Amino acid sequence: MSRKIKRIVALLGVIILVGLYLATLILAFVDPTEAKNWLKAAVVCTIIIPVFFYAYLLIYRNLKK
């Protein structure tokens, strides 16, 4: 797999995670009663999103062969 594709996927993952936490922060100010739930969702997505990107890279590498 080319390094360019890996960098693009990694940058996309970082942008998604930063956007996720920014949205969590904004929504916590909009509705403080739900802030705890938004934080839980953000933490879960922090684990799930990189796993999905890693799985995507593995599948891409295997299909390319």
PDB file of N, CA and C in Angstrom:
ATOM      1  N   MET A   1       0.853  -1.165   0.000  1.00  0.00           N
ATOM      2  CA  MET A   1       0.000   0.000   0.000  1.00  0.00           C
ATOM      3  C   MET A   1       0.898   1.226   0.000  1.00  0.00           C
ATOM      4  N   SER A   2       0.515   2.185  -0.775  1.00  0.00           N
ATOM      5  CA  SER A   2       1.360   3.366  -0.870  1.00  0.00           C
ATOM      6  C   SER A   2       1.250   4.212   0.392  1.00  0.00           C
ATOM      7  N   ARG A   3       2.327   4.898   0.647  1.00  0.00           N
ATOM      8  CA  ARG A   3       2.358   5.751   1.842  1.00  0.00           C
ATOM      9  C   ARG A   3       1.371   6.900   1.724  1.00  0.00           C
ATOM     10  N   LYS A   4       1.117   7.318   0.495  1.00  0.00           N
ATOM     11  CA  LYS A   4       0.185   8.425   0.290  1.00  0.00           C
ATOM     12  C   LYS A   4      -1.214   8.056   0.775  1.00  0.00           C
ATOM     13  N   ILE A   5      -1.660   6.846   0.456  1.00  0.00           N
ATOM     14  CA  ILE A   5      -2.990   6.402   0.885  1.00  0.00           C
ATOM     15  C   ILE A   5      -3.033   6.269   2.401  1.00  0.00           C
ATOM     16  N   LYS A   6      -1.962   5.735   2.998  1.00  0.00           N
ATOM     17  CA  LYS A   6      -1.918   5.607   4.449  1.00  0.00           C
ATOM     18  C   LYS A   6      -1.992   6.966   5.120  1.00  0.00           C
ATOM     19  N   ARG A   7      -1.277   7.935   4.572  1.00  0.00           N
ATOM     20  CA  ARG A   7      -1.307   9.282   5.151  1.00  0.00           C
ATOM     21  C   ARG A   7      -2.681   9.909   5.027  1.00  0.00           C
ATOM     22  N   ILE A   8      -3.331   9.698   3.890  1.00  0.00           N
ATOM     23  CA  ILE A   8      -4.674  10.258   3.689  1.00  0.00           C
ATOM     24  C   ILE A   8      -5.658   9.648   4.672  1.00  0.00           C
ATOM     25  N   VAL A   9      -5.599   8.330   4.841  1.00  0.00           N
ATOM     26  CA  VAL A   9      -6.499   7.645   5.777  1.00  0.00           C
ATOM     27  C   VAL A   9      -6.217   8.093   7.209  1.00  0.00           C
ATOM     28  N   ALA A  10      -4.929   8.227   7.564  1.00  0.00           N
ATOM     29  CA  ALA A  10      -4.580   8.674   8.914  1.00  0.00           C
ATOM     30  C   ALA A  10      -5.054  10.101   9.152  1.00  0.00           C
ATOM     31  N   LEU A  11      -4.873  10.974   8.173  1.00  0.00           N
ATOM     32  CA  LEU A  11      -5.330  12.361   8.311  1.00  0.00           C
ATOM     33  C   LEU A  11      -6.851  12.422   8.418  1.00  0.00           C
ATOM     34  N   LEU A  12      -7.523  11.603   7.651  1.00  0.00           N
ATOM     35  CA  LEU A  12      -8.989  11.546   7.727  1.00  0.00           C
ATOM     36  C   LEU A  12      -9.439  11.098   9.118  1.00  0.00           C
ATOM     37  N   GLY A  13      -8.760  10.117   9.679  1.00  0.00           N
ATOM     38  CA  GLY A  13      -9.083   9.656  11.030  1.00  0.00           C
ATOM     39  C   GLY A  13      -8.875  10.742  12.071  1.00  0.00           C
ATOM     40  N   VAL A  14      -7.779  11.488  11.952  1.00  0.00           N
ATOM     41  CA  VAL A  14      -7.503  12.576  12.898  1.00  0.00           C
ATOM     42  C   VAL A  14      -8.564  13.660  12.780  1.00  0.00           C
ATOM     43  N   ILE A  15      -8.928  14.007  11.553  1.00  0.00           N
ATOM     44  CA  ILE A  15      -9.952  15.048  11.347  1.00  0.00           C
ATOM     45  C   ILE A  15     -11.288  14.610  11.942  1.00  0.00           C
ATOM     46  N   ILE A  16     -11.649  13.350  11.747  1.00  0.00           N
ATOM     47  CA  ILE A  16     -12.910  12.845  12.304  1.00  0.00           C
ATOM     48  C   ILE A  16     -12.886  12.885  13.828  1.00  0.00           C
ATOM     49  N   LEU A  17     -11.769  12.461  14.439  1.00  0.00           N
ATOM     50  CA  LEU A  17     -11.694  12.453  15.901  1.00  0.00           C
ATOM     51  C   LEU A  17     -11.699  13.864  16.481  1.00  0.00           C
ATOM     52  N   VAL A  18     -10.989  14.784  15.850  1.00  0.00           N
ATOM     53  CA  VAL A  18     -11.002  16.171  16.331  1.00  0.00           C
ATOM     54  C   VAL A  18     -12.399  16.769  16.199  1.00  0.00           C
ATOM     55  N   GLY A  19     -13.047  16.510  15.081  1.00  0.00           N
ATOM     56  CA  GLY A  19     -14.417  16.986  14.888  1.00  0.00           C
ATOM     57  C   GLY A  19     -15.372  16.384  15.898  1.00  0.00           C
ATOM     58  N   LEU A  20     -15.153  15.120  16.223  1.00  0.00           N
ATOM     59  CA  LEU A  20     -15.983  14.436  17.211  1.00  0.00           C
ATOM     60  C   LEU A  20     -15.878  15.109  18.574  1.00  0.00           C
ATOM     61  N   TYR A  21     -14.650  15.386  19.015  1.00  0.00           N
ATOM     62  CA  TYR A  21     -14.485  16.018  20.323  1.00  0.00           C
ATOM     63  C   TYR A  21     -14.936  17.474  20.314  1.00  0.00           C
ATOM     64  N   LEU A  22     -14.775  18.147  19.196  1.00  0.00           N
ATOM     65  CA  LEU A  22     -15.280  19.522  19.097  1.00  0.00           C
ATOM     66  C   LEU A  22     -16.809  19.529  19.177  1.00  0.00           C
ATOM     67  N   ALA A  23     -17.443  18.591  18.491  1.00  0.00           N
ATOM     68  CA  ALA A  23     -18.905  18.484  18.552  1.00  0.00           C
ATOM     69  C   ALA A  23     -19.353  18.120  19.966  1.00  0.00           C
ATOM     70  N   THR A  24     -18.604  17.258  20.648  1.00  0.00           N
ATOM     71  CA  THR A  24     -18.943  16.890  22.025  1.00  0.00           C
ATOM     72  C   THR A  24     -18.880  18.110  22.939  1.00  0.00           C
ATOM     73  N   LEU A  25     -17.841  18.916  22.768  1.00  0.00           N
ATOM     74  CA  LEU A  25     -17.700  20.124  23.582  1.00  0.00           C
ATOM     75  C   LEU A  25     -18.843  21.109  23.328  1.00  0.00           C
ATOM     76  N   ILE A  26     -19.167  21.327  22.075  1.00  0.00           N
ATOM     77  CA  ILE A  26     -20.249  22.258  21.734  1.00  0.00           C
ATOM     78  C   ILE A  26     -21.587  21.752  22.261  1.00  0.00           C
ATOM     79  N   LEU A  27     -21.856  20.465  22.060  1.00  0.00           N
ATOM     80  CA  LEU A  27     -23.126  19.905  22.527  1.00  0.00           C
ATOM     81  C   LEU A  27     -23.214  19.878  24.045  1.00  0.00           C
ATOM     82  N   ALA A  28     -22.087  19.780  24.735  1.00  0.00           N
ATOM     83  CA  ALA A  28     -22.103  19.819  26.200  1.00  0.00           C
ATOM     84  C   ALA A  28     -22.546  21.191  26.695  1.00  0.00           C
ATOM     85  N   PHE A  29     -22.194  22.236  25.960  1.00  0.00           N
ATOM     86  CA  PHE A  29     -22.641  23.571  26.345  1.00  0.00           C
ATOM     87  C   PHE A  29     -24.100  23.809  25.976  1.00  0.00           C
ATOM     88  N   VAL A  30     -24.552  23.193  24.903  1.00  0.00           N
ATOM     89  CA  VAL A  30     -25.938  23.359  24.463  1.00  0.00           C
ATOM     90  C   VAL A  30     -26.894  22.655  25.416  1.00  0.00           C
ATOM     91  N   ASP A  31     -26.569  21.426  25.797  1.00  0.00           N
ATOM     92  CA  ASP A  31     -27.432  20.643  26.678  1.00  0.00           C
ATOM     93  C   ASP A  31     -26.580  19.971  27.756  1.00  0.00           C
ATOM     94  N   PRO A  32     -26.304  20.671  28.862  1.00  0.00           N
ATOM     95  CA  PRO A  32     -25.420  20.123  29.904  1.00  0.00           C
ATOM     96  C   PRO A  32     -25.927  18.824  30.536  1.00  0.00           C
ATOM     97  N   THR A  33     -27.223  18.577  30.488  1.00  0.00           N
ATOM     98  CA  THR A  33     -27.740  17.352  31.094  1.00  0.00           C
ATOM     99  C   THR A  33     -27.307  16.112  30.313  1.00  0.00           C
ATOM    100  N   GLU A  34     -27.013  16.266  29.046  1.00  0.00           N
ATOM    101  CA  GLU A  34     -26.598  15.142  28.200  1.00  0.00           C
ATOM    102  C   GLU A  34     -25.092  15.096  27.981  1.00  0.00           C
ATOM    103  N   ALA A  35     -24.336  15.967  28.629  1.00  0.00           N
ATOM    104  CA  ALA A  35     -22.897  16.054  28.402  1.00  0.00           C
ATOM    105  C   ALA A  35     -22.188  14.736  28.712  1.00  0.00           C
ATOM    106  N   LYS A  36     -22.611  14.068  29.766  1.00  0.00           N
ATOM    107  CA  LYS A  36     -21.983  12.805  30.149  1.00  0.00           C
ATOM    108  C   LYS A  36     -22.172  11.744  29.052  1.00  0.00           C
ATOM    109  N   ASN A  37     -23.353  11.693  28.487  1.00  0.00           N
ATOM    110  CA  ASN A  37     -23.620  10.733  27.413  1.00  0.00           C
ATOM    111  C   ASN A  37     -22.811  11.048  26.156  1.00  0.00           C
ATOM    112  N   TRP A  38     -22.676  12.343  25.830  1.00  0.00           N
ATOM    113  CA  TRP A  38     -21.874  12.731  24.674  1.00  0.00           C
ATOM    114  C   TRP A  38     -20.411  12.350  24.879  1.00  0.00           C
ATOM    115  N   LEU A  39     -19.913  12.532  26.090  1.00  0.00           N
ATOM    116  CA  LEU A  39     -18.525  12.170  26.381  1.00  0.00           C
ATOM    117  C   LEU A  39     -18.325  10.655  26.268  1.00  0.00           C
ATOM    118  N   LYS A  40     -19.279   9.888  26.764  1.00  0.00           N
ATOM    119  CA  LYS A  40     -19.192   8.428  26.637  1.00  0.00           C
ATOM    120  C   LYS A  40     -19.157   8.017  25.163  1.00  0.00           C
ATOM    121  N   ALA A  41     -20.010   8.627  24.369  1.00  0.00           N
ATOM    122  CA  ALA A  41     -20.046   8.307  22.942  1.00  0.00           C
ATOM    123  C   ALA A  41     -18.725   8.675  22.265  1.00  0.00           C
ATOM    124  N   ALA A  42     -18.153   9.814  22.647  1.00  0.00           N
ATOM    125  CA  ALA A  42     -16.883  10.239  22.061  1.00  0.00           C
ATOM    126  C   ALA A  42     -15.756   9.282  22.430  1.00  0.00           C
ATOM    127  N   VAL A  43     -15.739   8.811  23.666  1.00  0.00           N
ATOM    128  CA  VAL A  43     -14.695   7.884  24.100  1.00  0.00           C
ATOM    129  C   VAL A  43     -14.827   6.551  23.358  1.00  0.00           C
ATOM    130  N   VAL A  44     -16.039   6.068  23.199  1.00  0.00           N
ATOM    131  CA  VAL A  44     -16.255   4.822  22.465  1.00  0.00           C
ATOM    132  C   VAL A  44     -15.807   4.978  21.008  1.00  0.00           C
ATOM    133  N   CYS A  45     -16.163   6.106  20.398  1.00  0.00           N
ATOM    134  CA  CYS A  45     -15.765   6.340  19.004  1.00  0.00           C
ATOM    135  C   CYS A  45     -14.257   6.515  18.861  1.00  0.00           C
ATOM    136  N   THR A  46     -13.596   6.994  19.916  1.00  0.00           N
ATOM    137  CA  THR A  46     -12.149   7.122  19.882  1.00  0.00           C
ATOM    138  C   THR A  46     -11.498   5.747  19.742  1.00  0.00           C
ATOM    139  N   ILE A  47     -12.148   4.735  20.225  1.00  0.00           N
ATOM    140  CA  ILE A  47     -11.625   3.376  20.095  1.00  0.00           C
ATOM    141  C   ILE A  47     -12.093   2.749  18.779  1.00  0.00           C
ATOM    142  N   ILE A  48     -13.347   2.936  18.433  1.00  0.00           N
ATOM    143  CA  ILE A  48     -13.931   2.264  17.281  1.00  0.00           C
ATOM    144  C   ILE A  48     -13.411   2.815  15.949  1.00  0.00           C
ATOM    145  N   ILE A  49     -13.285   4.124  15.815  1.00  0.00           N
ATOM    146  CA  ILE A  49     -12.879   4.720  14.541  1.00  0.00           C
ATOM    147  C   ILE A  49     -11.494   4.242  14.102  1.00  0.00           C
ATOM    148  N   PRO A  50     -10.464   4.286  14.967  1.00  0.00           N
ATOM    149  CA  PRO A  50      -9.166   3.754  14.515  1.00  0.00           C
ATOM    150  C   PRO A  50      -9.207   2.260  14.181  1.00  0.00           C
ATOM    151  N   VAL A  51     -10.029   1.498  14.897  1.00  0.00           N
ATOM    152  CA  VAL A  51     -10.148   0.072  14.584  1.00  0.00           C
ATOM    153  C   VAL A  51     -10.744  -0.111  13.187  1.00  0.00           C
ATOM    154  N   PHE A  52     -11.758   0.670  12.841  1.00  0.00           N
ATOM    155  CA  PHE A  52     -12.340   0.585  11.508  1.00  0.00           C
ATOM    156  C   PHE A  52     -11.334   0.979  10.431  1.00  0.00           C
ATOM    157  N   PHE A  53     -10.574   2.030  10.675  1.00  0.00           N
ATOM    158  CA  PHE A  53      -9.573   2.443   9.697  1.00  0.00           C
ATOM    159  C   PHE A  53      -8.488   1.382   9.540  1.00  0.00           C
ATOM    160  N   TYR A  54      -8.090   0.750  10.635  1.00  0.00           N
ATOM    161  CA  TYR A  54      -7.101  -0.317  10.559  1.00  0.00           C
ATOM    162  C   TYR A  54      -7.655  -1.504   9.783  1.00  0.00           C
ATOM    163  N   ALA A  55      -8.908  -1.843  10.039  1.00  0.00           N
ATOM    164  CA  ALA A  55      -9.546  -2.938   9.306  1.00  0.00           C
ATOM    165  C   ALA A  55      -9.639  -2.598   7.817  1.00  0.00           C
ATOM    166  N   TYR A  56      -9.946  -1.356   7.510  1.00  0.00           N
ATOM    167  CA  TYR A  56     -10.006  -0.918   6.113  1.00  0.00           C
ATOM    168  C   TYR A  56      -8.650  -1.104   5.447  1.00  0.00           C
ATOM    169  N   LEU A  57      -7.587  -0.709   6.133  1.00  0.00           N
ATOM    170  CA  LEU A  57      -6.251  -0.854   5.559  1.00  0.00           C
ATOM    171  C   LEU A  57      -5.894  -2.327   5.352  1.00  0.00           C
ATOM    172  N   LEU A  58      -6.270  -3.192   6.301  1.00  0.00           N
ATOM    173  CA  LEU A  58      -5.997  -4.625   6.152  1.00  0.00           C
ATOM    174  C   LEU A  58      -6.756  -5.215   4.970  1.00  0.00           C
ATOM    175  N   ILE A  59      -8.027  -4.861   4.844  1.00  0.00           N
ATOM    176  CA  ILE A  59      -8.832  -5.358   3.739  1.00  0.00           C
ATOM    177  C   ILE A  59      -8.300  -4.852   2.410  1.00  0.00           C
ATOM    178  N   TYR A  60      -7.940  -3.585   2.360  1.00  0.00           N
ATOM    179  CA  TYR A  60      -7.396  -2.994   1.141  1.00  0.00           C
ATOM    180  C   TYR A  60      -6.108  -3.706   0.736  1.00  0.00           C
ATOM    181  N   ARG A  61      -5.250  -3.972   1.722  1.00  0.00           N
ATOM    182  CA  ARG A  61      -3.982  -4.634   1.434  1.00  0.00           C
ATOM    183  C   ARG A  61      -4.215  -6.055   0.909  1.00  0.00           C
ATOM    184  N   ASN A  62      -5.160  -6.775   1.483  1.00  0.00           N
ATOM    185  CA  ASN A  62      -5.436  -8.145   1.045  1.00  0.00           C
ATOM    186  C   ASN A  62      -6.126  -8.196  -0.312  1.00  0.00           C
ATOM    187  N   LEU A  63      -7.010  -7.243  -0.595  1.00  0.00           N
ATOM    188  CA  LEU A  63      -7.687  -7.227  -1.889  1.00  0.00           C
ATOM    189  C   LEU A  63      -6.769  -6.778  -3.006  1.00  0.00           C
ATOM    190  N   LYS A  64      -5.780  -5.982  -2.678  1.00  0.00           N
ATOM    191  CA  LYS A  64      -4.851  -5.487  -3.676  1.00  0.00           C
ATOM    192  C   LYS A  64      -3.957  -6.603  -4.196  1.00  0.00           C
ATOM    193  N   LYS A  65      -3.687  -7.615  -3.355  1.00  0.00           N
ATOM    194  CA  LYS A  65      -2.834  -8.741  -3.787  1.00  0.00           C
ATOM    195  C   LYS A  65      -3.530  -9.572  -4.753  1.00  0.00           C
TER     196      LYS A  65
END
